[in-house]
Amino acid sequence: MIQDWKTLYEVKGPKSLMEMTAAELEETLKETKTVIISFGALENHGCHLPMGADYFQANVLIRRVHECLSEMGRKTVPGFAVPFGTQTNKFERDKLLGNCYLNEKTFVEMAEDLILSLHETGFERFLLIVNHSENHSALNLVAKDLANRFDIKSVVTDWVPPHNDFWPTVLKNAEHQG
């Protein structure tokens, strides 16, 4: 028996969908029907980053986007980060220990199933954040397919392109991953 429990997890800031109770979600859905979901990856980033870097960044990004939209008067629910993405860049990560990915068809089906289940719950608008570049085309396919079949409104956003001019000012290594 554990004698000295320490706090293992504490919510600081608005609760995400993962941290809400059903009653809290029911109340929240009275205020907004928009949820933020991010799609990361579990992959080898080299010796300097953890395997879940894309997933950890995705969780932070969901909260940051939620906060920024709140400041603009747009209510959202910080949803959750999906830790698995599509195949990693073969040219830079081939045969690296720890890559755990889904094939694109499986990824598309998973993303659609997640969004459809959230739509059944009451969400009407979806902000889908790319947090692993290889997920971008698959998420665009998901958004288009769900719009055509179910009139589900979603936007796919990618935080990387706005930083393309910034990266060279801080990354001095000639290697792709910096």
C-alpha atoms as a PDB file:
ATOM      1  CA  MET A   1       0.000   0.000   0.000  1.00  0.00           C
ATOM      2  CA  ILE A   2       1.277   3.455  -0.928  1.00  0.00           C
ATOM      3  CA  GLN A   3       1.705   5.517   2.218  1.00  0.00           C
ATOM      4  CA  ASP A   4       2.691   8.917   0.843  1.00  0.00           C
ATOM      5  CA  TRP A   5       0.601   9.909  -2.193  1.00  0.00           C
ATOM      6  CA  LYS A   6       1.820  12.883  -4.121  1.00  0.00           C
ATOM      7  CA  THR A   7      -0.168  14.797  -6.705  1.00  0.00           C
ATOM      8  CA  LEU A   8       0.393  12.955  -9.951  1.00  0.00           C
ATOM      9  CA  TYR A   9      -1.743  15.159 -12.156  1.00  0.00           C
ATOM     10  CA  GLU A  10      -3.201  18.601 -11.701  1.00  0.00           C
ATOM     11  CA  VAL A  11      -5.221  20.645 -14.181  1.00  0.00           C
ATOM     12  CA  LYS A  12      -3.845  24.143 -14.534  1.00  0.00           C
ATOM     13  CA  GLY A  13      -6.063  26.201 -16.772  1.00  0.00           C
ATOM     14  CA  PRO A  14      -9.204  25.187 -18.602  1.00  0.00           C
ATOM     15  CA  LYS A  15     -10.067  21.511 -18.580  1.00  0.00           C
ATOM     16  CA  SER A  16      -9.665  19.580 -21.786  1.00  0.00           C
ATOM     17  CA  LEU A  17     -12.295  17.161 -23.005  1.00  0.00           C
ATOM     18  CA  MET A  18     -10.198  14.361 -21.494  1.00  0.00           C
ATOM     19  CA  GLU A  19     -10.367  15.997 -18.061  1.00  0.00           C
ATOM     20  CA  MET A  20     -14.090  16.884 -18.041  1.00  0.00           C
ATOM     21  CA  THR A  21     -16.866  14.857 -16.525  1.00  0.00           C
ATOM     22  CA  ALA A  22     -19.951  14.138 -18.624  1.00  0.00           C
ATOM     23  CA  ALA A  23     -21.875  16.740 -16.598  1.00  0.00           C
ATOM     24  CA  GLU A  24     -19.183  19.369 -17.270  1.00  0.00           C
ATOM     25  CA  LEU A  25     -19.243  18.536 -20.966  1.00  0.00           C
ATOM     26  CA  GLU A  26     -23.026  18.863 -21.059  1.00  0.00           C
ATOM     27  CA  GLU A  27     -22.781  22.366 -19.580  1.00  0.00           C
ATOM     28  CA  THR A  28     -19.919  23.313 -21.917  1.00  0.00           C
ATOM     29  CA  LEU A  29     -21.888  22.217 -24.997  1.00  0.00           C
ATOM     30  CA  LYS A  30     -24.505  24.825 -24.086  1.00  0.00           C
ATOM     31  CA  GLU A  31     -21.832  27.486 -24.706  1.00  0.00           C
ATOM     32  CA  THR A  32     -19.897  26.090 -27.662  1.00  0.00           C
ATOM     33  CA  LYS A  33     -20.024  23.341 -30.260  1.00  0.00           C
ATOM     34  CA  THR A  34     -16.389  23.762 -31.366  1.00  0.00           C
ATOM     35  CA  VAL A  35     -13.647  21.342 -30.335  1.00  0.00           C
ATOM     36  CA  ILE A  36      -9.899  21.457 -30.979  1.00  0.00           C
ATOM     37  CA  ILE A  37      -8.113  18.193 -31.806  1.00  0.00           C
ATOM     38  CA  SER A  38      -4.444  17.805 -32.658  1.00  0.00           C
ATOM     39  CA  PHE A  39      -2.773  14.928 -34.457  1.00  0.00           C
ATOM     40  CA  GLY A  40       0.822  14.135 -33.533  1.00  0.00           C
ATOM     41  CA  ALA A  41       3.107  11.127 -33.853  1.00  0.00           C
ATOM     42  CA  LEU A  42       5.254   8.724 -31.887  1.00  0.00           C
ATOM     43  CA  GLU A  43       8.634   8.754 -33.597  1.00  0.00           C
ATOM     44  CA  ASN A  44      12.379   8.921 -33.147  1.00  0.00           C
ATOM     45  CA  HIS A  45      13.504  12.567 -33.277  1.00  0.00           C
ATOM     46  CA  GLY A  46      17.132  11.778 -32.488  1.00  0.00           C
ATOM     47  CA  CYS A  47      18.950  11.740 -29.174  1.00  0.00           C
ATOM     48  CA  HIS A  48      17.849  15.246 -28.150  1.00  0.00           C
ATOM     49  CA  LEU A  49      14.029  14.812 -28.015  1.00  0.00           C
ATOM     50  CA  PRO A  50      11.621  12.291 -26.492  1.00  0.00           C
ATOM     51  CA  MET A  51       9.713   9.921 -28.770  1.00  0.00           C
ATOM     52  CA  GLY A  52       6.453  11.677 -27.896  1.00  0.00           C
ATOM     53  CA  ALA A  53       7.654  15.208 -28.752  1.00  0.00           C
ATOM     54  CA  ASP A  54       4.881  15.742 -31.339  1.00  0.00           C
ATOM     55  CA  TYR A  55       2.274  14.468 -28.873  1.00  0.00           C
ATOM     56  CA  PHE A  56       3.523  16.645 -25.994  1.00  0.00           C
ATOM     57  CA  GLN A  57       3.620  19.698 -28.262  1.00  0.00           C
ATOM     58  CA  ALA A  58       0.109  18.880 -29.488  1.00  0.00           C
ATOM     59  CA  ASN A  59      -1.291  18.929 -25.945  1.00  0.00           C
ATOM     60  CA  VAL A  60       0.253  22.326 -25.246  1.00  0.00           C
ATOM     61  CA  LEU A  61      -0.815  23.673 -28.628  1.00  0.00           C
ATOM     62  CA  ILE A  62      -4.448  22.703 -28.039  1.00  0.00           C
ATOM     63  CA  ARG A  63      -4.515  24.758 -24.836  1.00  0.00           C
ATOM     64  CA  ARG A  64      -2.689  27.702 -26.419  1.00  0.00           C
ATOM     65  CA  VAL A  65      -5.061  27.818 -29.385  1.00  0.00           C
ATOM     66  CA  HIS A  66      -8.018  27.581 -27.001  1.00  0.00           C
ATOM     67  CA  GLU A  67      -6.646  30.504 -24.953  1.00  0.00           C
ATOM     68  CA  CYS A  68      -5.977  32.654 -28.030  1.00  0.00           C
ATOM     69  CA  LEU A  69      -9.445  32.013 -29.430  1.00  0.00           C
ATOM     70  CA  SER A  70     -10.961  32.784 -26.010  1.00  0.00           C
ATOM     71  CA  GLU A  71      -9.171  36.137 -25.980  1.00  0.00           C
ATOM     72  CA  MET A  72     -10.779  36.818 -29.376  1.00  0.00           C
ATOM     73  CA  GLY A  73     -14.217  35.985 -27.955  1.00  0.00           C
ATOM     74  CA  ARG A  74     -14.439  32.544 -29.606  1.00  0.00           C
ATOM     75  CA  LYS A  75     -15.442  29.735 -27.264  1.00  0.00           C
ATOM     76  CA  THR A  76     -13.955  26.303 -27.854  1.00  0.00           C
ATOM     77  CA  VAL A  77     -13.296  23.075 -26.014  1.00  0.00           C
ATOM     78  CA  PRO A  78      -9.652  22.015 -25.833  1.00  0.00           C
ATOM     79  CA  GLY A  79     -10.158  18.461 -27.026  1.00  0.00           C
ATOM     80  CA  PHE A  80      -7.289  16.003 -27.070  1.00  0.00           C
ATOM     81  CA  ALA A  81      -4.117  15.052 -28.875  1.00  0.00           C
ATOM     82  CA  VAL A  82      -3.956  11.872 -30.909  1.00  0.00           C
ATOM     83  CA  PRO A  83      -0.502  10.347 -30.345  1.00  0.00           C
ATOM     84  CA  PHE A  84      -0.317   8.377 -33.598  1.00  0.00           C
ATOM     85  CA  GLY A  85       0.285   9.702 -37.082  1.00  0.00           C
ATOM     86  CA  THR A  86       0.918   8.482 -40.585  1.00  0.00           C
ATOM     87  CA  GLN A  87       4.208   7.108 -41.872  1.00  0.00           C
ATOM     88  CA  THR A  88       7.207   9.223 -40.959  1.00  0.00           C
ATOM     89  CA  ASN A  89       9.604  10.712 -43.486  1.00  0.00           C
ATOM     90  CA  LYS A  90      11.379   7.658 -44.842  1.00  0.00           C
ATOM     91  CA  PHE A  91      14.373   9.706 -46.009  1.00  0.00           C
ATOM     92  CA  GLU A  92      15.193  10.980 -42.541  1.00  0.00           C
ATOM     93  CA  ARG A  93      13.845   8.349 -40.166  1.00  0.00           C
ATOM     94  CA  ASP A  94      14.106   5.039 -41.980  1.00  0.00           C
ATOM     95  CA  LYS A  95      15.100   2.162 -39.662  1.00  0.00           C
ATOM     96  CA  LEU A  96      15.129   4.345 -36.551  1.00  0.00           C
ATOM     97  CA  LEU A  97      14.224   2.738 -33.262  1.00  0.00           C
ATOM     98  CA  GLY A  98      10.805   3.606 -31.860  1.00  0.00           C
ATOM     99  CA  ASN A  99       8.761   4.811 -34.819  1.00  0.00           C
ATOM    100  CA  CYS A 100       5.141   3.786 -34.278  1.00  0.00           C
ATOM    101  CA  TYR A 101       2.831   4.890 -37.072  1.00  0.00           C
ATOM    102  CA  LEU A 102      -0.421   4.085 -38.834  1.00  0.00           C
ATOM    103  CA  ASN A 103      -0.776   3.580 -42.557  1.00  0.00           C
ATOM    104  CA  GLU A 104      -2.641   6.455 -44.168  1.00  0.00           C
ATOM    105  CA  LYS A 105      -5.886   4.526 -44.725  1.00  0.00           C
ATOM    106  CA  THR A 106      -6.024   3.489 -41.059  1.00  0.00           C
ATOM    107  CA  PHE A 107      -5.213   7.043 -39.956  1.00  0.00           C
ATOM    108  CA  VAL A 108      -8.022   8.481 -42.111  1.00  0.00           C
ATOM    109  CA  GLU A 109     -10.519   5.926 -40.779  1.00  0.00           C
ATOM    110  CA  MET A 110      -9.434   6.573 -37.171  1.00  0.00           C
ATOM    111  CA  ALA A 111      -9.694  10.356 -37.538  1.00  0.00           C
ATOM    112  CA  GLU A 112     -13.105  10.095 -39.194  1.00  0.00           C
ATOM    113  CA  ASP A 113     -14.392   7.740 -36.488  1.00  0.00           C
ATOM    114  CA  LEU A 114     -13.172  10.073 -33.727  1.00  0.00           C
ATOM    115  CA  ILE A 115     -14.782  13.114 -35.335  1.00  0.00           C
ATOM    116  CA  LEU A 116     -18.047  11.288 -36.053  1.00  0.00           C
ATOM    117  CA  SER A 117     -18.279  10.106 -32.449  1.00  0.00           C
ATOM    118  CA  LEU A 118     -17.679  13.653 -31.195  1.00  0.00           C
ATOM    119  CA  HIS A 119     -20.290  14.896 -33.662  1.00  0.00           C
ATOM    120  CA  GLU A 120     -22.789  12.430 -32.177  1.00  0.00           C
ATOM    121  CA  THR A 121     -21.931  13.887 -28.750  1.00  0.00           C
ATOM    122  CA  GLY A 122     -22.963  17.348 -29.956  1.00  0.00           C
ATOM    123  CA  PHE A 123     -19.905  19.002 -31.470  1.00  0.00           C
ATOM    124  CA  GLU A 124     -20.570  20.716 -34.795  1.00  0.00           C
ATOM    125  CA  ARG A 125     -17.275  22.430 -35.614  1.00  0.00           C
ATOM    126  CA  PHE A 126     -13.801  20.890 -35.542  1.00  0.00           C
ATOM    127  CA  LEU A 127     -10.423  22.585 -35.507  1.00  0.00           C
ATOM    128  CA  LEU A 128      -7.946  19.902 -36.608  1.00  0.00           C
ATOM    129  CA  ILE A 129      -4.341  20.834 -35.876  1.00  0.00           C
ATOM    130  CA  VAL A 130      -1.465  19.202 -37.723  1.00  0.00           C
ATOM    131  CA  ASN A 131       1.321  18.472 -35.258  1.00  0.00           C
ATOM    132  CA  HIS A 132       3.144  15.968 -37.459  1.00  0.00           C
ATOM    133  CA  SER A 133       3.621  17.211 -41.011  1.00  0.00           C
ATOM    134  CA  GLU A 134       2.970  13.819 -42.569  1.00  0.00           C
ATOM    135  CA  ASN A 135      -0.630  13.968 -41.250  1.00  0.00           C
ATOM    136  CA  HIS A 136      -1.494  17.053 -43.293  1.00  0.00           C
ATOM    137  CA  SER A 137      -2.769  15.486 -46.525  1.00  0.00           C
ATOM    138  CA  ALA A 138      -4.677  12.775 -44.648  1.00  0.00           C
ATOM    139  CA  LEU A 139      -6.421  15.362 -42.433  1.00  0.00           C
ATOM    140  CA  ASN A 140      -7.401  17.407 -45.486  1.00  0.00           C
ATOM    141  CA  LEU A 141      -8.946  14.264 -46.949  1.00  0.00           C
ATOM    142  CA  VAL A 142     -10.810  13.626 -43.667  1.00  0.00           C
ATOM    143  CA  ALA A 143     -12.160  17.188 -43.529  1.00  0.00           C
ATOM    144  CA  LYS A 144     -13.328  17.120 -47.135  1.00  0.00           C
ATOM    145  CA  ASP A 145     -14.914  13.675 -46.843  1.00  0.00           C
ATOM    146  CA  LEU A 146     -16.813  14.503 -43.635  1.00  0.00           C
ATOM    147  CA  ALA A 147     -18.020  17.800 -45.112  1.00  0.00           C
ATOM    148  CA  ASN A 148     -19.298  16.049 -48.240  1.00  0.00           C
ATOM    149  CA  ARG A 149     -20.912  13.093 -46.475  1.00  0.00           C
ATOM    150  CA  PHE A 150     -22.207  14.641 -43.230  1.00  0.00           C
ATOM    151  CA  ASP A 151     -21.938  18.429 -43.679  1.00  0.00           C
ATOM    152  CA  ILE A 152     -19.480  18.488 -40.768  1.00  0.00           C
ATOM    153  CA  LYS A 153     -17.579  21.758 -40.553  1.00  0.00           C
ATOM    154  CA  SER A 154     -13.866  21.472 -39.911  1.00  0.00           C
ATOM    155  CA  VAL A 155     -10.686  23.395 -40.577  1.00  0.00           C
ATOM    156  CA  VAL A 156      -7.226  21.844 -40.890  1.00  0.00           C
ATOM    157  CA  THR A 157      -4.465  24.085 -39.537  1.00  0.00           C
ATOM    158  CA  ASP A 158      -0.704  23.653 -39.581  1.00  0.00           C
ATOM    159  CA  TRP A 159       1.517  25.694 -37.271  1.00  0.00           C
ATOM    160  CA  VAL A 160       4.762  24.861 -39.120  1.00  0.00           C
ATOM    161  CA  PRO A 161       4.544  26.962 -42.355  1.00  0.00           C
ATOM    162  CA  PRO A 162       4.319  30.338 -40.552  1.00  0.00           C
ATOM    163  CA  HIS A 163       7.620  29.466 -38.865  1.00  0.00           C
ATOM    164  CA  ASN A 164       9.552  28.608 -42.046  1.00  0.00           C
ATOM    165  CA  ASP A 165      11.182  32.052 -42.183  1.00  0.00           C
ATOM    166  CA  PHE A 166      11.975  31.887 -38.455  1.00  0.00           C
ATOM    167  CA  TRP A 167      13.673  28.466 -38.315  1.00  0.00           C
ATOM    168  CA  PRO A 168      16.890  29.493 -40.137  1.00  0.00           C
ATOM    169  CA  THR A 169      17.490  32.273 -37.610  1.00  0.00           C
ATOM    170  CA  VAL A 170      17.771  29.806 -34.718  1.00  0.00           C
ATOM    171  CA  LEU A 171      18.722  26.490 -36.324  1.00  0.00           C
ATOM    172  CA  LYS A 172      22.328  26.627 -37.467  1.00  0.00           C
ATOM    173  CA  ASN A 173      22.890  22.926 -38.147  1.00  0.00           C
ATOM    174  CA  ALA A 174      22.979  21.998 -41.835  1.00  0.00           C
ATOM    175  CA  GLU A 175      21.187  18.732 -41.043  1.00  0.00           C
ATOM    176  CA  HIS A 176      17.422  18.725 -41.679  1.00  0.00           C
ATOM    177  CA  GLN A 177      16.339  18.254 -38.046  1.00  0.00           C
ATOM    178  CA  GLY A 178      18.464  21.079 -36.688  1.00  0.00           C
END
